[in-house]
Amino acid sequence: MKTEDKKLALKIGLLIAIGIFFAITVGFIFFREEMNSLTKAIVDQFGLFGLFSITVIMDTIIQPISPDVLTLGFSMAKSNFLTVAIVGGTASILAGFIGYSIGHFLKEEGVDKFIGQKNYQKAHTLFVKHGFWAILIGSISPVPFSAICWSAGVFKMPWKFFCISIVITRLPRFLLAGYIGTLL
């Protein structure tokens, strides 16, 4: 991938991430009271262990809801945003490792049958040519994080690059979500 293409892809990924945070923030503003009471109940009932557990589950299983919502909520419930962000980010990284392992276990044959040959070829090409960037952009974009991690395992992305890319994207993402939660 050319340097210009990498810069463009990174800019697009950052714009998408900013858009997602903006949309979630607007949603929290409009439903502030409801979200405060819901997250207060979760914080009171489960605490940081609940945040950690739910984030691991949400980021391991392919589903459309991002755990950023929990981080925002916990920060809105007046929890220490730095603690919340570190717990959520660590849980997300652990979920990434689990997702990579699931993908590695499924192997190419299992995924080919699950997503179809056309999508399989696209994903394979993406990871062979741009594995690091796929993880980097996928970690901050609306694409389900678990799908990216599973794909990295299936296509045997080098472990070192996988680890670096999720650590440098997931922790800052959760820090931003936690900080935004303190502003709401």
Protein backbone atom coordinates (compact mmCIF):
# COMPACT_ATOMS: atom_id res chain seq x y z
CA MET A 1 0.00 0.00 0.00
CA LYS A 2 1.35 3.40 -0.96
CA THR A 3 2.10 5.91 1.74
CA GLU A 4 -0.58 8.23 0.32
CA ASP A 5 -3.16 5.43 0.47
CA LYS A 6 -2.20 4.65 4.06
CA LYS A 7 -2.57 8.29 5.08
CA LEU A 8 -5.94 8.53 3.35
CA ALA A 9 -7.15 5.31 4.98
CA LEU A 10 -6.02 6.55 8.40
CA LYS A 11 -7.79 9.89 7.88
CA ILE A 12 -10.99 8.13 6.83
CA GLY A 13 -10.80 5.82 9.84
CA LEU A 14 -10.29 8.76 12.19
CA LEU A 15 -13.19 10.66 10.67
CA ILE A 16 -15.44 7.63 11.04
CA ALA A 17 -14.39 7.20 14.68
CA ILE A 18 -15.06 10.88 15.39
CA GLY A 19 -18.45 10.54 13.73
CA ILE A 20 -19.33 7.54 15.89
CA PHE A 21 -18.31 9.31 19.08
CA PHE A 22 -20.31 12.36 18.01
CA ALA A 23 -23.41 10.24 17.31
CA ILE A 24 -23.13 8.39 20.62
CA THR A 25 -22.57 11.66 22.47
CA VAL A 26 -25.64 13.25 20.87
CA GLY A 27 -27.65 10.16 21.83
CA PHE A 28 -26.45 10.45 25.41
CA ILE A 29 -27.38 14.14 25.50
CA PHE A 30 -30.93 13.50 24.29
CA PHE A 31 -31.42 10.53 26.63
CA ARG A 32 -29.28 11.81 29.48
CA GLU A 33 -31.64 10.97 32.34
CA GLU A 34 -32.43 7.50 31.03
CA MET A 35 -28.76 6.71 30.42
CA ASN A 36 -27.74 8.08 33.82
CA SER A 37 -30.26 5.90 35.64
CA LEU A 38 -29.38 2.82 33.56
CA THR A 39 -25.63 3.17 34.00
CA LYS A 40 -26.02 4.09 37.67
CA ALA A 41 -27.90 0.83 38.18
CA ILE A 42 -25.19 -1.13 36.33
CA VAL A 43 -22.40 0.61 38.28
CA ASP A 44 -24.15 0.02 41.61
CA GLN A 45 -24.96 -3.60 40.80
CA PHE A 46 -21.78 -4.78 39.09
CA GLY A 47 -19.08 -2.11 39.44
CA LEU A 48 -15.88 -2.21 37.42
CA PHE A 49 -15.99 -6.00 37.26
CA GLY A 50 -19.28 -5.66 35.38
CA LEU A 51 -17.73 -3.16 32.97
CA PHE A 52 -14.79 -5.49 32.39
CA SER A 53 -16.96 -8.59 31.88
CA ILE A 54 -19.53 -6.95 29.62
CA THR A 55 -16.81 -5.31 27.52
CA VAL A 56 -15.00 -8.64 27.02
CA ILE A 57 -18.25 -10.25 25.92
CA MET A 58 -19.27 -7.36 23.66
CA ASP A 59 -15.87 -7.19 21.95
CA THR A 60 -15.50 -10.98 21.56
CA ILE A 61 -18.88 -11.73 20.01
CA ILE A 62 -19.68 -10.18 16.65
CA GLN A 63 -22.48 -7.70 17.33
CA PRO A 64 -23.22 -4.09 16.33
CA ILE A 65 -23.12 -2.41 19.76
CA SER A 66 -19.81 -0.93 20.81
CA PRO A 67 -18.64 -1.09 24.44
CA ASP A 68 -17.88 2.62 24.14
CA VAL A 69 -21.47 3.10 25.25
CA LEU A 70 -20.65 1.45 28.59
CA THR A 71 -17.53 3.53 29.04
CA LEU A 72 -19.48 6.72 28.40
CA GLY A 73 -22.17 5.59 30.80
CA PHE A 74 -19.78 4.62 33.58
CA SER A 75 -18.02 7.97 33.26
CA MET A 76 -21.37 9.76 33.30
CA ALA A 77 -22.22 7.91 36.51
CA LYS A 78 -19.32 9.84 38.07
CA SER A 79 -16.88 6.95 38.14
CA ASN A 80 -13.24 7.94 37.68
CA PHE A 81 -13.00 8.17 33.90
CA LEU A 82 -9.33 7.17 33.83
CA THR A 83 -10.04 3.99 35.81
CA VAL A 84 -13.09 3.25 33.66
CA ALA A 85 -11.09 3.77 30.45
CA ILE A 86 -8.23 1.55 31.57
CA VAL A 87 -10.59 -1.23 32.70
CA GLY A 88 -12.65 -0.99 29.49
CA GLY A 89 -9.58 -0.73 27.25
CA THR A 90 -7.87 -3.67 28.94
CA ALA A 91 -11.03 -5.75 28.61
CA SER A 92 -11.27 -4.83 24.94
CA ILE A 93 -7.66 -5.84 24.33
CA LEU A 94 -8.29 -9.16 26.10
CA ALA A 95 -11.36 -9.64 23.89
CA GLY A 96 -9.15 -8.97 20.87
CA PHE A 97 -6.78 -11.74 21.94
CA ILE A 98 -9.75 -14.08 22.42
CA GLY A 99 -11.12 -13.12 19.00
CA TYR A 100 -7.75 -13.76 17.38
CA SER A 101 -7.67 -17.19 19.03
CA ILE A 102 -11.21 -17.97 17.84
CA GLY A 103 -10.22 -17.04 14.29
CA HIS A 104 -7.07 -19.11 14.53
CA PHE A 105 -9.15 -22.07 15.72
CA LEU A 106 -11.78 -21.66 12.97
CA LYS A 107 -9.14 -21.64 10.27
CA GLU A 108 -9.81 -20.60 6.72
CA GLU A 109 -12.19 -23.45 5.89
CA GLY A 110 -14.62 -22.58 8.67
CA VAL A 111 -14.73 -18.91 7.77
CA ASP A 112 -15.06 -19.58 4.05
CA LYS A 113 -18.25 -21.54 4.73
CA PHE A 114 -19.53 -18.93 7.18
CA ILE A 115 -19.07 -15.71 5.16
CA GLY A 116 -19.00 -17.02 1.59
CA GLN A 117 -16.25 -17.25 -0.98
CA LYS A 118 -16.56 -13.66 -2.27
CA ASN A 119 -16.28 -12.05 1.18
CA TYR A 120 -13.60 -14.53 2.16
CA GLN A 121 -11.42 -13.50 -0.79
CA LYS A 122 -11.86 -9.80 0.03
CA ALA A 123 -10.90 -10.34 3.66
CA HIS A 124 -7.96 -12.55 2.73
CA THR A 125 -6.60 -9.97 0.29
CA LEU A 126 -7.06 -7.21 2.86
CA PHE A 127 -5.12 -9.05 5.56
CA VAL A 128 -2.38 -10.34 3.29
CA LYS A 129 -1.67 -6.90 1.84
CA HIS A 130 -2.61 -4.57 4.68
CA GLY A 131 -2.95 -6.58 7.89
CA PHE A 132 -1.56 -4.00 10.30
CA TRP A 133 -3.61 -1.19 8.75
CA ALA A 134 -6.74 -3.35 8.66
CA ILE A 135 -6.48 -3.88 12.41
CA LEU A 136 -5.52 -0.28 13.09
CA ILE A 137 -8.43 1.20 11.14
CA GLY A 138 -10.83 -1.57 12.18
CA SER A 139 -10.06 -0.84 15.83
CA ILE A 140 -11.28 2.73 15.56
CA SER A 141 -14.01 2.34 12.94
CA PRO A 142 -17.62 1.16 13.20
CA VAL A 143 -16.69 -2.29 11.89
CA PRO A 144 -17.24 -4.75 14.76
CA PHE A 145 -13.88 -5.12 16.51
CA SER A 146 -14.49 -8.82 17.03
CA ALA A 147 -14.85 -9.42 13.28
CA ILE A 148 -11.49 -7.77 12.66
CA CYS A 149 -9.81 -9.83 15.41
CA TRP A 150 -11.35 -13.09 14.19
CA SER A 151 -10.13 -12.29 10.67
CA ALA A 152 -6.62 -11.55 11.93
CA GLY A 153 -6.54 -15.00 13.52
CA VAL A 154 -7.97 -16.76 10.47
CA PHE A 155 -5.47 -15.18 8.12
CA LYS A 156 -2.62 -15.63 10.59
CA MET A 157 -1.62 -12.03 10.95
CA PRO A 158 1.71 -11.86 12.80
CA TRP A 159 0.97 -11.78 16.52
CA LYS A 160 3.37 -8.91 17.23
CA PHE A 161 1.69 -6.57 14.73
CA PHE A 162 -1.74 -7.59 15.93
CA CYS A 163 -0.86 -6.81 19.56
CA ILE A 164 0.74 -3.47 18.73
CA SER A 165 -2.16 -2.31 16.59
CA ILE A 166 -4.90 -3.11 19.11
CA VAL A 167 -3.02 -1.63 22.07
CA ILE A 168 -2.30 1.67 20.31
CA THR A 169 -5.92 2.03 19.21
CA ARG A 170 -8.18 0.52 21.87
CA LEU A 171 -6.77 2.24 24.97
CA PRO A 172 -6.91 5.76 23.46
CA ARG A 173 -10.41 5.04 22.14
CA PHE A 174 -11.62 4.13 25.63
CA LEU A 175 -9.83 7.13 27.14
CA LEU A 176 -11.66 9.39 24.72
CA ALA A 177 -15.01 7.76 25.44
CA GLY A 178 -14.41 8.03 29.19
CA TYR A 179 -13.45 11.67 28.94
CA ILE A 180 -16.49 12.51 26.83
CA GLY A 181 -18.62 10.81 29.48
CA THR A 182 -17.31 13.23 32.11
CA LEU A 183 -18.41 16.17 29.97
CA LEU A 184 -22.00 15.01 29.63
